[in-house]
PDB file of N, CA and C in Angstrom:
ATOM      1  N   UNK A   1       0.900  -1.225   0.007  1.00  0.00           N
ATOM      2  CA  UNK A   1       0.029   0.034   0.019  1.00  0.00           C
ATOM      3  C   UNK A   1       0.891   1.249  -0.006  1.00  0.00           C
ATOM      4  N   UNK A   2       0.278   2.334  -0.303  1.00  0.00           N
ATOM      5  CA  UNK A   2       1.015   3.621  -0.281  1.00  0.00           C
ATOM      6  C   UNK A   2       1.065   4.231   1.090  1.00  0.00           C
ATOM      7  N   UNK A   3       2.147   5.118   1.241  1.00  0.00           N
ATOM      8  CA  UNK A   3       2.309   5.841   2.485  1.00  0.00           C
ATOM      9  C   UNK A   3       1.061   6.599   2.934  1.00  0.00           C
ATOM     10  N   UNK A   4       0.503   7.291   1.960  1.00  0.00           N
ATOM     11  CA  UNK A   4      -0.716   8.244   2.181  1.00  0.00           C
ATOM     12  C   UNK A   4      -1.764   7.380   2.780  1.00  0.00           C
ATOM     13  N   UNK A   5      -2.100   6.205   2.047  1.00  0.00           N
ATOM     14  CA  UNK A   5      -3.059   5.403   2.560  1.00  0.00           C
ATOM     15  C   UNK A   5      -2.908   4.864   3.992  1.00  0.00           C
ATOM     16  N   UNK A   6      -1.667   4.394   4.200  1.00  0.00           N
ATOM     17  CA  UNK A   6      -1.193   3.949   5.476  1.00  0.00           C
ATOM     18  C   UNK A   6      -1.369   5.019   6.629  1.00  0.00           C
ATOM     19  N   UNK A   7      -0.969   6.066   6.283  1.00  0.00           N
ATOM     20  CA  UNK A   7      -1.020   7.200   7.252  1.00  0.00           C
ATOM     21  C   UNK A   7      -2.562   7.594   7.506  1.00  0.00           C
ATOM     22  N   UNK A   8      -3.401   7.792   6.534  1.00  0.00           N
ATOM     23  CA  UNK A   8      -4.757   8.025   6.641  1.00  0.00           C
ATOM     24  C   UNK A   8      -5.567   6.986   7.503  1.00  0.00           C
ATOM     25  N   UNK A   9      -5.109   5.611   7.212  1.00  0.00           N
ATOM     26  CA  UNK A   9      -5.776   4.661   7.996  1.00  0.00           C
ATOM     27  C   UNK A   9      -5.436   4.681   9.473  1.00  0.00           C
ATOM     28  N   UNK A  10      -4.104   5.061   9.767  1.00  0.00           N
ATOM     29  CA  UNK A  10      -3.602   5.305  11.148  1.00  0.00           C
ATOM     30  C   UNK A  10      -4.374   6.444  11.940  1.00  0.00           C
ATOM     31  N   UNK A  11      -4.383   7.570  11.185  1.00  0.00           N
ATOM     32  CA  UNK A  11      -4.900   8.734  11.852  1.00  0.00           C
ATOM     33  C   UNK A  11      -6.456   8.692  12.112  1.00  0.00           C
ATOM     34  N   UNK A  12      -7.147   8.039  11.261  1.00  0.00           N
ATOM     35  CA  UNK A  12      -8.728   7.700  11.376  1.00  0.00           C
ATOM     36  C   UNK A  12      -8.965   6.454  12.049  1.00  0.00           C
ATOM     37  N   UNK A  13      -8.021   5.514  12.416  1.00  0.00           N
ATOM     38  CA  UNK A  13      -8.256   4.378  13.150  1.00  0.00           C
ATOM     39  C   UNK A  13      -9.059   3.426  12.162  1.00  0.00           C
ATOM     40  N   UNK A  14      -8.892   3.457  11.082  1.00  0.00           N
ATOM     41  CA  UNK A  14      -9.573   2.863  10.130  1.00  0.00           C
ATOM     42  C   UNK A  14      -9.085   1.199   9.743  1.00  0.00           C
ATOM     43  N   UNK A  15     -10.243   0.415   9.699  1.00  0.00           N
ATOM     44  CA  UNK A  15     -10.009  -1.069   9.308  1.00  0.00           C
ATOM     45  C   UNK A  15     -10.476  -1.327   8.058  1.00  0.00           C
ATOM     46  N   UNK A  16     -10.968  -0.344   7.302  1.00  0.00           N
ATOM     47  CA  UNK A  16     -11.454  -0.580   5.931  1.00  0.00           C
ATOM     48  C   UNK A  16     -10.421  -1.182   5.063  1.00  0.00           C
ATOM     49  N   UNK A  17     -10.689  -2.272   4.432  1.00  0.00           N
ATOM     50  CA  UNK A  17      -9.768  -3.042   3.533  1.00  0.00           C
ATOM     51  C   UNK A  17      -9.481  -2.082   2.370  1.00  0.00           C
ATOM     52  N   UNK A  18      -8.245  -2.071   1.849  1.00  0.00           N
ATOM     53  CA  UNK A  18      -7.937  -1.381   0.603  1.00  0.00           C
ATOM     54  C   UNK A  18      -7.358  -2.388  -0.466  1.00  0.00           C
ATOM     55  N   UNK A  19      -7.896  -2.243  -1.605  1.00  0.00           N
ATOM     56  CA  UNK A  19      -7.639  -3.237  -2.754  1.00  0.00           C
ATOM     57  C   UNK A  19      -6.731  -2.428  -3.704  1.00  0.00           C
ATOM     58  N   UNK A  20      -5.563  -2.901  -3.939  1.00  0.00           N
ATOM     59  CA  UNK A  20      -4.871  -2.206  -4.965  1.00  0.00           C
ATOM     60  C   UNK A  20      -5.042  -2.767  -6.197  1.00  0.00           C
ATOM     61  N   UNK A  21      -5.510  -1.943  -7.190  1.00  0.00           N
ATOM     62  CA  UNK A  21      -6.003  -2.403  -8.516  1.00  0.00           C
ATOM     63  C   UNK A  21      -5.206  -2.162  -9.585  1.00  0.00           C
ATOM     64  N   UNK A  22      -3.953  -1.477  -9.230  1.00  0.00           N
ATOM     65  CA  UNK A  22      -2.903  -1.316 -10.528  1.00  0.00           C
ATOM     66  C   UNK A  22      -3.241  -0.049 -11.115  1.00  0.00           C
ATOM     67  N   UNK A  23      -2.418   0.082 -12.235  1.00  0.00           N
ATOM     68  CA  UNK A  23      -2.449   1.308 -13.066  1.00  0.00           C
ATOM     69  C   UNK A  23      -3.535   1.224 -14.063  1.00  0.00           C
ATOM     70  N   UNK A  24      -4.402   2.178 -14.229  1.00  0.00           N
ATOM     71  CA  UNK A  24      -5.349   2.169 -15.367  1.00  0.00           C
ATOM     72  C   UNK A  24      -4.783   2.866 -16.656  1.00  0.00           C
ATOM     73  N   UNK A  25      -5.421   2.301 -17.637  1.00  0.00           N
ATOM     74  CA  UNK A  25      -4.889   2.899 -19.010  1.00  0.00           C
ATOM     75  C   UNK A  25      -4.834   4.337 -19.110  1.00  0.00           C
ATOM     76  N   UNK A  26      -3.747   4.970 -19.360  1.00  0.00           N
ATOM     77  CA  UNK A  26      -3.769   6.404 -19.521  1.00  0.00           C
ATOM     78  C   UNK A  26      -3.342   7.169 -18.295  1.00  0.00           C
ATOM     79  N   UNK A  27      -3.374   6.444 -17.133  1.00  0.00           N
ATOM     80  CA  UNK A  27      -2.953   7.015 -15.820  1.00  0.00           C
ATOM     81  C   UNK A  27      -1.575   7.521 -15.741  1.00  0.00           C
ATOM     82  N   UNK A  28      -1.411   8.599 -15.248  1.00  0.00           N
ATOM     83  CA  UNK A  28       0.091   9.103 -15.059  1.00  0.00           C
ATOM     84  C   UNK A  28       0.645   8.552 -13.889  1.00  0.00           C
ATOM     85  N   UNK A  29       1.941   8.124 -13.940  1.00  0.00           N
ATOM     86  CA  UNK A  29       2.687   7.581 -12.951  1.00  0.00           C
ATOM     87  C   UNK A  29       3.418   8.720 -12.239  1.00  0.00           C
ATOM     88  N   UNK A  30       3.848   9.738 -12.993  1.00  0.00           N
ATOM     89  CA  UNK A  30       4.608  10.775 -12.427  1.00  0.00           C
ATOM     90  C   UNK A  30       3.917  12.076 -12.914  1.00  0.00           C
ATOM     91  N   UNK A  31       3.651  13.057 -12.212  1.00  0.00           N
ATOM     92  CA  UNK A  31       3.088  14.354 -12.674  1.00  0.00           C
ATOM     93  C   UNK A  31       4.101  15.364 -12.908  1.00  0.00           C
ATOM     94  N   UNK A  32       4.134  16.105 -14.069  1.00  0.00           N
ATOM     95  CA  UNK A  32       5.153  17.025 -14.289  1.00  0.00           C
ATOM     96  C   UNK A  32       4.567  18.224 -13.688  1.00  0.00           C
ATOM     97  N   UNK A  33       5.244  18.788 -12.856  1.00  0.00           N
ATOM     98  CA  UNK A  33       4.840  19.949 -11.934  1.00  0.00           C
ATOM     99  C   UNK A  33       5.321  21.350 -12.600  1.00  0.00           C
ATOM    100  N   UNK A  34       6.626  21.296 -13.410  1.00  0.00           N
ATOM    101  CA  UNK A  34       7.034  22.324 -14.148  1.00  0.00           C
ATOM    102  C   UNK A  34       7.990  21.883 -15.214  1.00  0.00           C
ATOM    103  N   UNK A  35       7.709  22.315 -16.334  1.00  0.00           N
ATOM    104  CA  UNK A  35       8.669  21.800 -17.511  1.00  0.00           C
ATOM    105  C   UNK A  35       9.962  22.473 -17.547  1.00  0.00           C
ATOM    106  N   UNK A  36      10.838  21.694 -18.173  1.00  0.00           N
ATOM    107  CA  UNK A  36      12.312  22.392 -18.349  1.00  0.00           C
ATOM    108  C   UNK A  36      12.196  23.743 -18.750  1.00  0.00           C
ATOM    109  N   UNK A  37      11.372  24.095 -19.719  1.00  0.00           N
ATOM    110  CA  UNK A  37      11.256  25.630 -20.087  1.00  0.00           C
ATOM    111  C   UNK A  37      10.715  26.571 -19.061  1.00  0.00           C
ATOM    112  N   UNK A  38       9.811  25.933 -18.182  1.00  0.00           N
ATOM    113  CA  UNK A  38       9.435  26.739 -17.158  1.00  0.00           C
ATOM    114  C   UNK A  38      10.651  26.918 -16.015  1.00  0.00           C
ATOM    115  N   UNK A  39      11.185  25.792 -15.798  1.00  0.00           N
ATOM    116  CA  UNK A  39      12.447  25.936 -14.922  1.00  0.00           C
ATOM    117  C   UNK A  39      13.438  27.016 -15.304  1.00  0.00           C
ATOM    118  N   UNK A  40      13.647  27.275 -16.513  1.00  0.00           N
ATOM    119  CA  UNK A  40      14.415  28.233 -17.055  1.00  0.00           C
ATOM    120  C   UNK A  40      14.185  29.695 -16.222  1.00  0.00           C
ATOM    121  N   UNK A  41      12.727  29.941 -16.345  1.00  0.00           N
ATOM    122  CA  UNK A  41      12.189  31.239 -15.707  1.00  0.00           C
ATOM    123  C   UNK A  41      11.845  31.119 -14.256  1.00  0.00           C
ATOM    124  N   UNK A  42      12.419  29.972 -13.672  1.00  0.00           N
ATOM    125  CA  UNK A  42      11.958  29.932 -12.203  1.00  0.00           C
ATOM    126  C   UNK A  42      13.053  30.434 -11.205  1.00  0.00           C
ATOM    127  N   UNK A  43      12.554  30.716 -10.243  1.00  0.00           N
ATOM    128  CA  UNK A  43      13.589  31.006  -8.719  1.00  0.00           C
ATOM    129  C   UNK A  43      13.248  30.031  -7.823  1.00  0.00           C
ATOM    130  N   UNK A  44      14.407  29.368  -7.306  1.00  0.00           N
ATOM    131  CA  UNK A  44      14.051  28.385  -6.194  1.00  0.00           C
ATOM    132  C   UNK A  44      14.306  29.190  -4.847  1.00  0.00           C
ATOM    133  N   UNK A  45      13.077  29.251  -4.224  1.00  0.00           N
ATOM    134  CA  UNK A  45      13.091  29.804  -2.817  1.00  0.00           C
ATOM    135  C   UNK A  45      13.303  28.903  -1.737  1.00  0.00           C
ATOM    136  N   UNK A  46      13.620  27.756  -2.009  1.00  0.00           N
ATOM    137  CA  UNK A  46      13.768  26.563  -0.989  1.00  0.00           C
ATOM    138  C   UNK A  46      12.662  25.863  -0.703  1.00  0.00           C
ATOM    139  N   UNK A  47      11.461  26.389  -0.207  1.00  0.00           N
ATOM    140  CA  UNK A  47      10.284  25.446  -0.118  1.00  0.00           C
ATOM    141  C   UNK A  47       9.471  25.361  -1.352  1.00  0.00           C
ATOM    142  N   UNK A  48       9.656  26.396  -2.351  1.00  0.00           N
ATOM    143  CA  UNK A  48       8.897  26.300  -3.479  1.00  0.00           C
ATOM    144  C   UNK A  48       9.666  27.019  -4.690  1.00  0.00           C
ATOM    145  N   UNK A  49       9.077  27.044  -5.921  1.00  0.00           N
ATOM    146  CA  UNK A  49       9.646  27.614  -7.071  1.00  0.00           C
ATOM    147  C   UNK A  49       8.718  28.613  -7.331  1.00  0.00           C
ATOM    148  N   UNK A  50       9.202  29.888  -7.748  1.00  0.00           N
ATOM    149  CA  UNK A  50       8.491  30.939  -8.370  1.00  0.00           C
ATOM    150  C   UNK A  50       8.848  30.857  -9.850  1.00  0.00           C
ATOM    151  N   UNK A  51       7.671  30.747 -10.670  1.00  0.00           N
ATOM    152  CA  UNK A  51       7.777  30.744 -12.085  1.00  0.00           C
ATOM    153  C   UNK A  51       7.416  31.892 -12.725  1.00  0.00           C
ATOM    154  N   UNK A  52       8.356  32.711 -13.336  1.00  0.00           N
ATOM    155  CA  UNK A  52       7.870  33.867 -14.072  1.00  0.00           C
ATOM    156  C   UNK A  52       7.126  33.640 -15.273  1.00  0.00           C
ATOM    157  N   UNK A  53       6.166  34.480 -15.552  1.00  0.00           N
ATOM    158  CA  UNK A  53       5.446  34.413 -16.742  1.00  0.00           C
ATOM    159  C   UNK A  53       6.339  34.333 -18.029  1.00  0.00           C
ATOM    160  N   UNK A  54       5.822  33.756 -19.101  1.00  0.00           N
ATOM    161  CA  UNK A  54       6.476  33.761 -20.377  1.00  0.00           C
ATOM    162  C   UNK A  54       6.212  35.045 -21.051  1.00  0.00           C
ATOM    163  N   UNK A  55       6.998  35.978 -21.006  1.00  0.00           N
ATOM    164  CA  UNK A  55       6.573  37.294 -21.706  1.00  0.00           C
ATOM    165  C   UNK A  55       7.051  37.533 -23.085  1.00  0.00           C
ATOM    166  N   UNK A  56       7.667  36.481 -23.627  1.00  0.00           N
ATOM    167  CA  UNK A  56       8.227  36.623 -24.906  1.00  0.00           C
ATOM    168  C   UNK A  56       7.339  37.238 -25.835  1.00  0.00           C
ATOM    169  N   UNK A  57       7.664  37.973 -26.825  1.00  0.00           N
ATOM    170  CA  UNK A  57       6.811  38.405 -28.023  1.00  0.00           C
ATOM    171  C   UNK A  57       7.076  37.530 -29.196  1.00  0.00           C
ATOM    172  N   UNK A  58       6.292  37.657 -30.320  1.00  0.00           N
ATOM    173  CA  UNK A  58       6.485  36.869 -31.356  1.00  0.00           C
ATOM    174  C   UNK A  58       7.536  37.705 -32.431  1.00  0.00           C
ATOM    175  N   UNK A  59       8.361  38.412 -31.871  1.00  0.00           N
ATOM    176  CA  UNK A  59       9.500  38.974 -32.645  1.00  0.00           C
ATOM    177  C   UNK A  59      10.564  37.992 -32.807  1.00  0.00           C
ATOM    178  N   UNK A  60      10.443  37.131 -33.833  1.00  0.00           N
ATOM    179  CA  UNK A  60      11.413  35.936 -33.955  1.00  0.00           C
ATOM    180  C   UNK A  60      12.860  36.494 -34.386  1.00  0.00           C
ATOM    181  N   UNK A  61      13.039  37.829 -34.835  1.00  0.00           N
ATOM    182  CA  UNK A  61      14.108  38.390 -35.161  1.00  0.00           C
ATOM    183  C   UNK A  61      15.161  38.334 -34.011  1.00  0.00           C
ATOM    184  N   UNK A  62      14.676  38.679 -32.976  1.00  0.00           N
ATOM    185  CA  UNK A  62      15.378  38.502 -31.493  1.00  0.00           C
ATOM    186  C   UNK A  62      15.969  37.310 -31.360  1.00  0.00           C
ATOM    187  N   UNK A  63      15.177  36.210 -31.661  1.00  0.00           N
ATOM    188  CA  UNK A  63      15.637  34.807 -31.478  1.00  0.00           C
ATOM    189  C   UNK A  63      16.801  34.593 -32.255  1.00  0.00           C
ATOM    190  N   UNK A  64      16.845  35.037 -33.529  1.00  0.00           N
ATOM    191  CA  UNK A  64      17.915  34.793 -34.423  1.00  0.00           C
ATOM    192  C   UNK A  64      19.183  35.688 -34.120  1.00  0.00           C
ATOM    193  N   UNK A  65      18.931  36.979 -33.742  1.00  0.00           N
ATOM    194  CA  UNK A  65      19.961  37.712 -33.272  1.00  0.00           C
ATOM    195  C   UNK A  65      20.691  37.578 -32.082  1.00  0.00           C
ATOM    196  N   UNK A  66      19.859  37.457 -31.048  1.00  0.00           N
ATOM    197  CA  UNK A  66      20.327  37.366 -29.648  1.00  0.00           C
ATOM    198  C   UNK A  66      20.217  35.936 -29.111  1.00  0.00           C
ATOM    199  N   UNK A  67      19.481  35.090 -29.594  1.00  0.00           N
ATOM    200  CA  UNK A  67      19.212  33.764 -29.031  1.00  0.00           C
ATOM    201  C   UNK A  67      18.467  33.712 -27.833  1.00  0.00           C
ATOM    202  N   UNK A  68      18.505  32.683 -27.091  1.00  0.00           N
ATOM    203  CA  UNK A  68      17.717  32.520 -25.818  1.00  0.00           C
ATOM    204  C   UNK A  68      18.315  31.411 -24.997  1.00  0.00           C
ATOM    205  N   UNK A  69      18.046  31.500 -23.687  1.00  0.00           N
ATOM    206  CA  UNK A  69      18.674  30.399 -22.783  1.00  0.00           C
ATOM    207  C   UNK A  69      17.951  29.071 -23.295  1.00  0.00           C
ATOM    208  N   UNK A  70      18.819  27.980 -23.226  1.00  0.00           N
ATOM    209  CA  UNK A  70      18.236  26.733 -23.794  1.00  0.00           C
ATOM    210  C   UNK A  70      17.877  25.959 -22.569  1.00  0.00           C
ATOM    211  N   UNK A  71      17.181  24.932 -22.676  1.00  0.00           N
ATOM    212  CA  UNK A  71      16.617  24.042 -21.631  1.00  0.00           C
ATOM    213  C   UNK A  71      17.572  22.904 -21.409  1.00  0.00           C
ATOM    214  N   UNK A  72      18.571  22.795 -22.082  1.00  0.00           N
ATOM    215  CA  UNK A  72      19.448  21.633 -21.976  1.00  0.00           C
ATOM    216  C   UNK A  72      20.269  21.466 -20.627  1.00  0.00           C
ATOM    217  N   UNK A  73      20.244  22.565 -19.865  1.00  0.00           N
ATOM    218  CA  UNK A  73      20.854  22.512 -18.531  1.00  0.00           C
ATOM    219  C   UNK A  73      19.693  22.375 -17.476  1.00  0.00           C
ATOM    220  N   UNK A  74      18.532  22.287 -17.894  1.00  0.00           N
ATOM    221  CA  UNK A  74      17.385  22.223 -17.050  1.00  0.00           C
ATOM    222  C   UNK A  74      16.597  20.908 -17.326  1.00  0.00           C
ATOM    223  N   UNK A  75      15.904  20.477 -16.275  1.00  0.00           N
ATOM    224  CA  UNK A  75      15.240  19.264 -16.443  1.00  0.00           C
ATOM    225  C   UNK A  75      13.776  19.558 -15.879  1.00  0.00           C
ATOM    226  N   UNK A  76      12.779  18.644 -16.403  1.00  0.00           N
ATOM    227  CA  UNK A  76      11.351  18.869 -15.901  1.00  0.00           C
ATOM    228  C   UNK A  76      11.450  18.664 -14.281  1.00  0.00           C
ATOM    229  N   UNK A  77      10.742  19.254 -13.722  1.00  0.00           N
ATOM    230  CA  UNK A  77      10.398  19.151 -12.250  1.00  0.00           C
ATOM    231  C   UNK A  77       9.133  18.301 -11.990  1.00  0.00           C
ATOM    232  N   UNK A  78       9.507  17.019 -11.647  1.00  0.00           N
ATOM    233  CA  UNK A  78       8.279  16.148 -11.600  1.00  0.00           C
ATOM    234  C   UNK A  78       8.177  15.484 -10.213  1.00  0.00           C
ATOM    235  N   UNK A  79       6.984  14.913 -10.075  1.00  0.00           N
ATOM    236  CA  UNK A  79       6.728  14.204  -8.794  1.00  0.00           C
ATOM    237  C   UNK A  79       7.756  13.006  -8.600  1.00  0.00           C
ATOM    238  N   UNK A  80       8.489  12.654  -9.583  1.00  0.00           N
ATOM    239  CA  UNK A  80       9.436  11.623  -9.558  1.00  0.00           C
ATOM    240  C   UNK A  80      10.859  12.029  -9.066  1.00  0.00           C
ATOM    241  N   UNK A  81      11.133  13.321  -9.550  1.00  0.00           N
ATOM    242  CA  UNK A  81      12.513  13.919  -9.177  1.00  0.00           C
ATOM    243  C   UNK A  81      12.431  14.775  -8.001  1.00  0.00           C
ATOM    244  N   UNK A  82      11.496  14.887  -7.270  1.00  0.00           N
ATOM    245  CA  UNK A  82      11.377  15.830  -6.090  1.00  0.00           C
ATOM    246  C   UNK A  82      11.483  15.172  -4.840  1.00  0.00           C
ATOM    247  N   UNK A  83      11.686  15.821  -3.868  1.00  0.00           N
ATOM    248  CA  UNK A  83      11.775  15.149  -2.582  1.00  0.00           C
ATOM    249  C   UNK A  83      10.412  14.667  -2.117  1.00  0.00           C
ATOM    250  N   UNK A  84      10.362  13.319  -1.566  1.00  0.00           N
ATOM    251  CA  UNK A  84       9.079  12.732  -1.201  1.00  0.00           C
ATOM    252  C   UNK A  84       9.015  12.944   0.284  1.00  0.00           C
ATOM    253  N   UNK A  85       7.786  13.087   0.782  1.00  0.00           N
ATOM    254  CA  UNK A  85       7.614  12.930   2.195  1.00  0.00           C
ATOM    255  C   UNK A  85       7.569  11.592   2.816  1.00  0.00           C
ATOM    256  N   UNK A  86       8.188  11.328   3.959  1.00  0.00           N
ATOM    257  CA  UNK A  86       8.072   9.983   4.449  1.00  0.00           C
ATOM    258  C   UNK A  86       6.751  10.073   5.407  1.00  0.00           C
ATOM    259  N   UNK A  87       6.346   8.947   5.812  1.00  0.00           N
ATOM    260  CA  UNK A  87       5.190   8.595   6.499  1.00  0.00           C
ATOM    261  C   UNK A  87       4.983   9.576   7.747  1.00  0.00           C
ATOM    262  N   UNK A  88       6.000   9.888   8.509  1.00  0.00           N
ATOM    263  CA  UNK A  88       5.945  10.801   9.658  1.00  0.00           C
ATOM    264  C   UNK A  88       5.666  12.187   9.238  1.00  0.00           C
ATOM    265  N   UNK A  89       6.282  12.626   8.069  1.00  0.00           N
ATOM    266  CA  UNK A  89       5.950  13.852   7.508  1.00  0.00           C
ATOM    267  C   UNK A  89       4.675  14.115   7.046  1.00  0.00           C
ATOM    268  N   UNK A  90       4.104  13.110   6.289  1.00  0.00           N
ATOM    269  CA  UNK A  90       2.849  13.101   5.778  1.00  0.00           C
ATOM    270  C   UNK A  90       1.858  13.239   6.959  1.00  0.00           C
ATOM    271  N   UNK A  91       2.146  12.452   7.994  1.00  0.00           N
ATOM    272  CA  UNK A  91       1.183  12.504   9.196  1.00  0.00           C
ATOM    273  C   UNK A  91       1.107  14.082   9.732  1.00  0.00           C
ATOM    274  N   UNK A  92       2.263  14.527  10.014  1.00  0.00           N
ATOM    275  CA  UNK A  92       2.350  15.877  10.441  1.00  0.00           C
ATOM    276  C   UNK A  92       1.687  16.860   9.573  1.00  0.00           C
ATOM    277  N   UNK A  93       1.842  16.861   8.352  1.00  0.00           N
ATOM    278  CA  UNK A  93       1.186  17.595   7.377  1.00  0.00           C
ATOM    279  C   UNK A  93      -0.403  17.479   7.521  1.00  0.00           C
ATOM    280  N   UNK A  94      -0.878  16.272   7.417  1.00  0.00           N
ATOM    281  CA  UNK A  94      -2.284  16.034   7.439  1.00  0.00           C
ATOM    282  C   UNK A  94      -2.997  16.495   8.826  1.00  0.00           C
ATOM    283  N   UNK A  95      -2.222  16.190   9.949  1.00  0.00           N
ATOM    284  CA  UNK A  95      -2.755  16.551  11.175  1.00  0.00           C
ATOM    285  C   UNK A  95      -2.756  18.153  11.485  1.00  0.00           C
ATOM    286  N   UNK A  96      -2.054  18.888  10.528  1.00  0.00           N
ATOM    287  CA  UNK A  96      -2.078  20.296  10.612  1.00  0.00           C
ATOM    288  C   UNK A  96      -3.193  20.834   9.830  1.00  0.00           C
ATOM    289  N   UNK A  97      -3.786  20.178   8.994  1.00  0.00           N
ATOM    290  CA  UNK A  97      -4.842  20.508   8.034  1.00  0.00           C
ATOM    291  C   UNK A  97      -6.267  20.749   8.883  1.00  0.00           C
ATOM    292  N   UNK A  98      -7.009  21.915   8.649  1.00  0.00           N
ATOM    293  CA  UNK A  98      -8.042  22.267   9.326  1.00  0.00           C
ATOM    294  C   UNK A  98      -9.184  21.205   9.131  1.00  0.00           C
ATOM    295  N   UNK A  99      -9.319  20.692   8.016  1.00  0.00           N
ATOM    296  CA  UNK A  99     -10.243  19.692   7.578  1.00  0.00           C
ATOM    297  C   UNK A  99     -10.059  18.308   8.440  1.00  0.00           C
ATOM    298  N   UNK A 100      -8.758  18.034   8.408  1.00  0.00           N
ATOM    299  CA  UNK A 100      -8.501  16.767   9.206  1.00  0.00           C
ATOM    300  C   UNK A 100      -8.850  16.929  10.770  1.00  0.00           C
ATOM    301  N   UNK A 101      -8.391  18.166  11.294  1.00  0.00           N
ATOM    302  CA  UNK A 101      -8.618  18.504  12.707  1.00  0.00           C
ATOM    303  C   UNK A 101     -10.118  18.383  13.066  1.00  0.00           C
ATOM    304  N   UNK A 102     -10.956  18.946  12.075  1.00  0.00           N
ATOM    305  CA  UNK A 102     -12.296  19.068  12.259  1.00  0.00           C
ATOM    306  C   UNK A 102     -12.943  17.610  12.351  1.00  0.00           C
ATOM    307  N   UNK A 103     -12.408  16.954  11.296  1.00  0.00           N
ATOM    308  CA  UNK A 103     -13.178  15.415  11.308  1.00  0.00           C
ATOM    309  C   UNK A 103     -12.571  14.746  12.430  1.00  0.00           C
ATOM    310  N   UNK A 104     -11.480  14.817  13.088  1.00  0.00           N
ATOM    311  CA  UNK A 104     -10.858  14.083  14.109  1.00  0.00           C
ATOM    312  C   UNK A 104     -11.874  14.647  15.357  1.00  0.00           C
ATOM    313  N   UNK A 105     -12.095  15.887  15.402  1.00  0.00           N
ATOM    314  CA  UNK A 105     -12.925  16.494  16.483  1.00  0.00           C
ATOM    315  C   UNK A 105     -14.135  16.031  16.636  1.00  0.00           C
ATOM    316  N   UNK A 106     -14.945  15.921  15.383  1.00  0.00           N
ATOM    317  CA  UNK A 106     -16.301  15.692  15.319  1.00  0.00           C
ATOM    318  C   UNK A 106     -16.553  14.173  15.616  1.00  0.00           C
ATOM    319  N   UNK A 107     -15.540  13.323  15.640  1.00  0.00           N
ATOM    320  CA  UNK A 107     -15.692  11.809  15.888  1.00  0.00           C
ATOM    321  C   UNK A 107     -16.063  11.688  17.195  1.00  0.00           C
TER     322      UNK A 107
END
């Protein structure tokens, strides 16, 4: 089972069985959070990336005369190549959410 499911079952004291059904056709394994072209325009603030808007105009003469930063030194920022939370971190995050707090309080 996945870490998120395990933590949710622990938090809510659930004994509901979970059946893993596998990957469905067309389902993404890893989500692209920012493309390499977006990463060129991004600033890393430590806990998040600030991605500046793409304000290029359609004056292609600038492209031929001045060039542009290429994406060859940048890679896509995906759910596969970013830091993953461990179960303890997931639990801390979930227990800090007002929705989870309310649900636990109302039990």
